[in-house]
Amino acid sequence: MKKNSNPRIRNSHRQVPDEWFTWRERDQSTAERLSRPSLSYWEDAWKRLVKNKLAMSGLFFLIGLVTMAIIGPILSPYDVHTNDLPNQYQPPSAEHWFGTDSHGRDVFTRTWYGARISLFVGLMAALIDVSIGIIYGGLSGYKGGRTDNIMMRIIEILYGLPYLLVVILLLVVLEPSLTTIIIALTVTGWVGMARIVRGQVLQIKNYEFVLASKSFGTKTPRIIRKNLLPNTMGPIIVQMTLTVPSAIFAEAFLSFIGLGIQSPYASWGVMASDSLGAILSGNWWTLFFPAFFISFTMFAFNVLGDGLQDALDPKLRK
């Protein structure tokens, strides 16, 4: 039988190469990826934060801590201030889950009441630092020139003052109270936030969309509020998560040395200070629980801050 001499007909029965299917599948996957709705900056950051198991464990711990700080004292049948001397130094049991202290007070109730104070001090100090730092650093970075030089010299003077010494002096001069502690912690605590915001604003203010807003005559407060601050929220949130544990530890330390919250009010620092003598007699639970929650709260905030820093970094976006 005579073979067909036409090459098109002769090659029409050949098998299609495997590479053709590979290219087709690759093109289809690319088209599907492009057709999907793109993730926003915050959606992408949350997606990458969820993949960080250590940061998520810190977040879940903090959620549980806040929940127990709210409902813990309500669930307990014992009062946080009432002394019960016949039941002093009772070990952890079904009646007293965390035991009792030297005055017979329930350690479980005082631990969660102390969590309220410690978290309140940490969050309020962080919010005040963020507010002052955003305003001061934003204006300094946006104005630039002589205004920036003068404002930064003031920051350098405050930054050179010993932070702990300033806080102790204020607490000695003023009457020790919760408000005094918050004021003392925020007198120079906002300096770090202001420097971070200033650095971000110096970089962003030369972007095209900011220059376009200026050319249209937009006023400075609106440019800072609408253009600059939304693009600096990543570093601000990260710095805030690192400011909270610092304030919590500072409050615990000040209460421990007698300059913070005063007994009979409960805070983790007060509980640790009251339990020093009990450790020598073997009543370990009076110090273990406040020390445990101070340590793990600081650890949870720090790992969450590290996770947020990685998740909010634009350089790591794919």
Protein backbone atom coordinates (compact mmCIF):
# COMPACT_ATOMS: atom_id res chain seq x y z
CA MET A 1 0.00 0.00 0.00
CA LYS A 2 1.38 3.41 -0.98
CA LYS A 3 2.22 5.71 1.91
CA ASN A 4 0.75 9.17 2.00
CA SER A 5 3.41 11.67 1.04
CA ASN A 6 1.64 14.68 2.61
CA PRO A 7 3.52 15.48 5.88
CA ARG A 8 0.47 17.17 7.47
CA ILE A 9 -1.67 14.07 7.01
CA ARG A 10 1.18 11.80 8.00
CA ASN A 11 1.80 13.70 11.29
CA SER A 12 -1.87 14.09 12.19
CA HIS A 13 -1.95 10.69 13.86
CA ARG A 14 1.00 11.38 16.08
CA GLN A 15 0.46 11.53 19.84
CA VAL A 16 0.21 15.02 21.37
CA PRO A 17 3.35 15.82 23.44
CA ASP A 18 3.06 15.76 27.25
CA GLU A 19 4.58 19.25 27.45
CA TRP A 20 1.46 20.61 25.77
CA PHE A 21 -0.71 19.45 28.69
CA THR A 22 1.82 20.88 31.19
CA TRP A 23 1.72 24.30 29.52
CA ARG A 24 -2.06 24.18 29.34
CA GLU A 25 -2.43 23.32 33.03
CA ARG A 26 0.04 26.05 33.93
CA ASP A 27 -1.89 28.60 31.90
CA GLN A 28 -5.16 27.51 33.50
CA SER A 29 -3.74 27.79 37.03
CA THR A 30 -2.35 31.22 36.22
CA ALA A 31 -5.70 32.34 34.82
CA GLU A 32 -7.54 31.04 37.90
CA ARG A 33 -5.12 32.82 40.20
CA LEU A 34 -5.53 36.09 38.33
CA SER A 35 -9.31 35.77 38.26
CA ARG A 36 -9.55 35.43 42.06
CA PRO A 37 -10.23 38.62 44.04
CA SER A 38 -6.94 39.96 45.39
CA LEU A 39 -6.44 40.03 49.15
CA SER A 40 -6.22 43.38 50.88
CA TYR A 41 -3.18 44.32 52.96
CA TRP A 42 -4.87 43.41 56.26
CA GLU A 43 -6.39 40.19 54.91
CA ASP A 44 -3.01 39.07 53.67
CA ALA A 45 -1.41 40.02 57.02
CA TRP A 46 -4.01 38.02 58.96
CA LYS A 47 -3.54 35.03 56.66
CA ARG A 48 0.20 35.01 57.32
CA LEU A 49 -0.28 35.61 61.05
CA VAL A 50 -2.52 32.54 61.31
CA LYS A 51 0.31 30.43 59.88
CA ASN A 52 2.56 31.51 62.77
CA LYS A 53 1.65 28.94 65.43
CA LEU A 54 3.69 30.58 68.19
CA ALA A 55 2.08 33.99 67.63
CA MET A 56 -1.40 32.45 67.52
CA SER A 57 -0.76 30.57 70.75
CA GLY A 58 0.17 33.88 72.36
CA LEU A 59 -3.01 35.46 70.98
CA PHE A 60 -5.20 32.65 72.33
CA PHE A 61 -3.50 32.90 75.74
CA LEU A 62 -4.21 36.64 75.87
CA ILE A 63 -7.83 36.12 74.85
CA GLY A 64 -8.25 33.56 77.62
CA LEU A 65 -6.51 35.87 80.09
CA VAL A 66 -8.81 38.79 79.28
CA THR A 67 -11.85 36.52 79.51
CA MET A 68 -10.86 35.19 82.93
CA ALA A 69 -9.97 38.68 84.15
CA ILE A 70 -13.56 39.67 83.39
CA ILE A 71 -15.44 36.63 84.69
CA GLY A 72 -12.93 35.09 87.13
CA PRO A 73 -13.75 37.21 90.20
CA ILE A 74 -17.45 36.85 89.40
CA LEU A 75 -17.26 33.05 89.32
CA SER A 76 -15.42 32.86 92.64
CA PRO A 77 -17.55 32.87 95.81
CA TYR A 78 -14.75 34.59 97.78
CA ASP A 79 -14.21 38.31 98.17
CA VAL A 80 -10.91 39.75 97.01
CA HIS A 81 -10.37 41.88 100.17
CA THR A 82 -11.98 39.86 102.96
CA ASN A 83 -9.51 38.25 105.39
CA ASP A 84 -10.08 34.72 106.65
CA LEU A 85 -7.22 34.13 109.09
CA PRO A 86 -8.29 30.58 110.17
CA ASN A 87 -7.82 29.47 106.55
CA GLN A 88 -4.45 31.08 105.88
CA TYR A 89 -1.92 29.22 103.72
CA GLN A 90 -4.35 26.58 102.50
CA PRO A 91 -2.78 24.63 99.61
CA PRO A 92 -4.55 24.39 96.23
CA SER A 93 -7.66 22.24 96.57
CA ALA A 94 -11.18 21.84 95.25
CA GLU A 95 -12.30 24.58 97.65
CA HIS A 96 -9.48 27.01 96.89
CA TRP A 97 -8.14 26.26 93.41
CA PHE A 98 -5.01 28.38 93.82
CA GLY A 99 -4.83 28.10 97.62
CA THR A 100 -4.94 30.98 100.11
CA ASP A 101 -2.40 33.59 101.21
CA SER A 102 -1.14 34.79 104.60
CA HIS A 103 -4.48 36.50 105.35
CA GLY A 104 -6.63 33.58 104.22
CA ARG A 105 -7.68 35.35 101.00
CA ASP A 106 -8.40 33.21 97.96
CA VAL A 107 -5.44 33.39 95.56
CA PHE A 108 -7.61 32.44 92.57
CA THR A 109 -9.85 35.47 93.07
CA ARG A 110 -6.93 37.83 93.71
CA THR A 111 -5.04 36.53 90.66
CA TRP A 112 -7.82 37.42 88.24
CA TYR A 113 -8.54 40.68 90.02
CA GLY A 114 -4.85 41.50 89.69
CA ALA A 115 -5.06 40.64 85.99
CA ARG A 116 -7.67 43.39 85.62
CA ILE A 117 -5.33 45.98 87.11
CA SER A 118 -2.23 44.82 85.26
CA LEU A 119 -3.98 44.67 81.87
CA PHE A 120 -5.69 48.02 82.46
CA VAL A 121 -2.38 49.71 83.31
CA GLY A 122 -0.64 48.12 80.33
CA LEU A 123 -3.36 48.97 77.81
CA MET A 124 -3.89 52.53 79.07
CA ALA A 125 -0.16 53.25 79.08
CA ALA A 126 0.13 51.86 75.54
CA LEU A 127 -2.86 53.87 74.27
CA ILE A 128 -1.52 57.11 75.74
CA ASP A 129 1.94 56.43 74.32
CA VAL A 130 0.44 55.73 70.91
CA SER A 131 -1.73 58.85 70.95
CA ILE A 132 1.06 61.23 71.96
CA GLY A 133 3.63 59.49 69.77
CA ILE A 134 1.44 59.62 66.66
CA ILE A 135 0.66 63.31 67.06
CA TYR A 136 4.18 64.38 67.99
CA GLY A 137 6.06 62.11 65.61
CA GLY A 138 3.64 62.71 62.74
CA LEU A 139 3.95 66.49 62.96
CA SER A 140 7.71 66.33 63.36
CA GLY A 141 8.23 64.09 60.35
CA TYR A 142 5.73 65.88 58.12
CA LYS A 143 6.90 69.43 58.84
CA GLY A 144 10.61 68.63 58.65
CA GLY A 145 13.27 71.32 58.59
CA ARG A 146 13.71 73.51 61.64
CA THR A 147 10.50 72.30 63.28
CA ASP A 148 11.69 68.71 63.06
CA ASN A 149 15.10 69.62 64.50
CA ILE A 150 13.63 71.38 67.51
CA MET A 151 11.11 68.62 68.22
CA MET A 152 13.74 65.91 67.91
CA ARG A 153 16.10 67.73 70.31
CA ILE A 154 13.29 67.66 72.89
CA ILE A 155 12.86 63.94 72.31
CA GLU A 156 16.58 63.34 72.71
CA ILE A 157 16.56 65.17 76.06
CA LEU A 158 13.63 63.08 77.31
CA TYR A 159 15.19 59.90 75.91
CA GLY A 160 18.37 60.59 77.85
CA LEU A 161 16.54 60.67 81.19
CA PRO A 162 16.58 57.36 83.12
CA TYR A 163 13.07 56.00 82.58
CA LEU A 164 12.77 54.08 85.83
CA LEU A 165 14.26 56.92 87.87
CA VAL A 166 11.71 59.39 86.49
CA VAL A 167 8.85 57.00 87.28
CA ILE A 168 10.06 56.42 90.85
CA LEU A 169 10.53 60.15 91.49
CA LEU A 170 7.01 60.90 90.27
CA LEU A 171 5.52 58.16 92.45
CA VAL A 172 7.43 59.48 95.46
CA VAL A 173 6.27 63.06 94.88
CA LEU A 174 2.68 62.17 94.00
CA GLU A 175 0.32 59.99 96.03
CA PRO A 176 0.60 56.34 94.92
CA SER A 177 -2.51 55.33 92.99
CA LEU A 178 -3.55 53.71 89.74
CA THR A 179 -3.78 57.09 87.99
CA THR A 180 -0.35 58.10 89.26
CA ILE A 181 1.21 54.91 87.93
CA ILE A 182 -0.28 55.46 84.46
CA ILE A 183 0.91 59.08 84.40
CA ALA A 184 4.38 58.09 85.56
CA LEU A 185 4.69 55.36 82.94
CA THR A 186 3.65 57.67 80.09
CA VAL A 187 5.70 60.77 80.96
CA THR A 188 8.61 59.58 78.80
CA GLY A 189 7.16 56.31 77.51
CA TRP A 190 5.80 57.91 74.30
CA VAL A 191 9.27 58.90 73.07
CA GLY A 192 9.96 55.56 71.36
CA MET A 193 6.61 55.61 69.57
CA ALA A 194 7.19 59.19 68.37
CA ARG A 195 10.55 58.26 66.85
CA ILE A 196 9.07 55.29 65.01
CA VAL A 197 6.17 57.34 63.61
CA ARG A 198 8.53 60.14 62.56
CA GLY A 199 10.74 57.72 60.65
CA GLN A 200 7.76 56.25 58.81
CA VAL A 201 6.32 59.66 57.96
CA LEU A 202 9.66 60.92 56.63
CA GLN A 203 9.67 58.01 54.20
CA ILE A 204 6.01 58.12 53.13
CA LYS A 205 5.56 61.88 52.75
CA ASN A 206 7.56 61.85 49.51
CA TYR A 207 5.34 59.24 47.85
CA GLU A 208 3.33 60.25 44.79
CA PHE A 209 -0.11 60.06 46.39
CA VAL A 210 0.97 62.38 49.23
CA LEU A 211 2.50 64.88 46.80
CA ALA A 212 -0.71 64.74 44.76
CA SER A 213 -2.77 65.57 47.84
CA LYS A 214 -0.51 68.54 48.54
CA SER A 215 -0.86 69.78 44.96
CA PHE A 216 -4.66 69.76 45.33
CA GLY A 217 -4.40 71.97 48.41
CA THR A 218 -5.32 69.38 51.03
CA LYS A 219 -4.72 70.64 54.56
CA THR A 220 -1.97 69.13 56.71
CA PRO A 221 -4.23 67.46 59.35
CA ARG A 222 -6.20 65.69 56.61
CA ILE A 223 -3.06 64.49 54.83
CA ILE A 224 -1.72 63.08 58.08
CA ARG A 225 -5.05 61.45 58.95
CA LYS A 226 -5.96 60.08 55.51
CA ASN A 227 -2.62 59.43 53.78
CA LEU A 228 0.18 59.06 56.31
CA LEU A 229 -1.32 57.32 59.36
CA PRO A 230 -3.01 54.43 57.49
CA ASN A 231 0.37 53.56 55.95
CA THR A 232 2.17 53.59 59.30
CA MET A 233 -0.32 51.45 61.25
CA GLY A 234 1.77 48.29 60.86
CA PRO A 235 4.79 49.52 62.87
CA ILE A 236 2.46 51.31 65.31
CA ILE A 237 0.53 48.11 66.10
CA VAL A 238 3.75 46.14 66.53
CA GLN A 239 5.22 48.77 68.86
CA MET A 240 1.98 48.84 70.85
CA THR A 241 2.08 45.08 71.45
CA LEU A 242 5.61 45.51 72.81
CA THR A 243 4.67 48.51 74.98
CA VAL A 244 1.90 46.68 76.86
CA PRO A 245 4.13 43.99 78.46
CA SER A 246 6.73 46.63 79.38
CA ALA A 247 4.06 48.62 81.23
CA ILE A 248 2.71 45.48 82.92
CA PHE A 249 6.18 44.53 84.14
CA ALA A 250 6.88 48.11 85.30
CA GLU A 251 3.63 48.16 87.30
CA ALA A 252 4.41 44.78 88.84
CA PHE A 253 7.93 45.91 89.76
CA LEU A 254 6.73 49.19 91.28
CA SER A 255 4.03 47.39 93.27
CA PHE A 256 6.61 44.83 94.36
CA ILE A 257 8.86 47.52 95.89
CA GLY A 258 5.88 49.30 97.46
CA LEU A 259 5.51 52.28 95.09
CA GLY A 260 2.59 51.00 93.03
CA ILE A 261 -0.77 49.56 93.98
CA GLN A 262 -1.10 49.42 97.74
CA SER A 263 -2.48 46.49 99.74
CA PRO A 264 -5.23 45.34 100.29
CA TYR A 265 -5.85 45.99 96.59
CA ALA A 266 -4.64 43.11 94.47
CA SER A 267 -2.18 43.26 91.62
CA TRP A 268 0.35 40.70 90.52
CA GLY A 269 3.18 42.83 91.93
CA VAL A 270 1.46 43.23 95.30
CA MET A 271 0.76 39.49 95.48
CA ALA A 272 4.41 38.70 94.71
CA SER A 273 5.59 41.15 97.36
CA ASP A 274 3.24 39.75 100.02
CA SER A 275 4.31 36.16 99.32
CA LEU A 276 8.08 36.58 99.75
CA GLY A 277 8.02 35.45 103.36
CA ALA A 278 5.67 32.58 102.56
CA ILE A 279 8.20 30.99 100.19
CA LEU A 280 10.58 30.34 103.06
CA SER A 281 7.88 28.40 104.89
CA GLY A 282 7.07 26.24 101.84
CA ASN A 283 3.88 27.97 100.71
CA TRP A 284 5.02 28.13 97.10
CA TRP A 285 1.59 28.71 95.52
CA THR A 286 1.32 32.27 96.86
CA LEU A 287 4.19 33.36 94.57
CA PHE A 288 3.89 30.81 91.79
CA PHE A 289 0.59 31.96 90.30
CA PRO A 290 1.28 35.74 90.09
CA ALA A 291 4.81 35.08 88.82
CA PHE A 292 3.49 32.58 86.27
CA PHE A 293 0.94 34.99 84.82
CA ILE A 294 3.40 37.90 84.75
CA SER A 295 5.91 35.79 82.84
CA PHE A 296 3.50 34.20 80.38
CA THR A 297 1.64 37.45 79.72
CA MET A 298 4.89 39.16 78.77
CA PHE A 299 5.89 36.14 76.68
CA ALA A 300 2.52 36.09 74.89
CA PHE A 301 2.67 39.80 74.02
CA ASN A 302 6.23 39.50 72.76
CA VAL A 303 5.63 36.49 70.50
CA LEU A 304 2.45 38.14 69.21
CA GLY A 305 4.41 41.31 68.48
CA ASP A 306 7.07 39.33 66.61
CA GLY A 307 4.38 37.55 64.62
CA LEU A 308 2.67 40.82 63.75
CA GLN A 309 5.97 42.31 62.67
CA ASP A 310 6.50 39.45 60.22
CA ALA A 311 2.89 39.51 59.03
CA LEU A 312 2.73 43.27 58.49
CA ASP A 313 6.10 43.58 56.78
CA PRO A 314 5.37 44.48 53.11
CA LYS A 315 8.70 43.00 52.03
CA LEU A 316 7.45 39.52 52.97
CA ARG A 317 4.31 39.72 50.85
CA LYS A 318 4.27 37.40 47.87
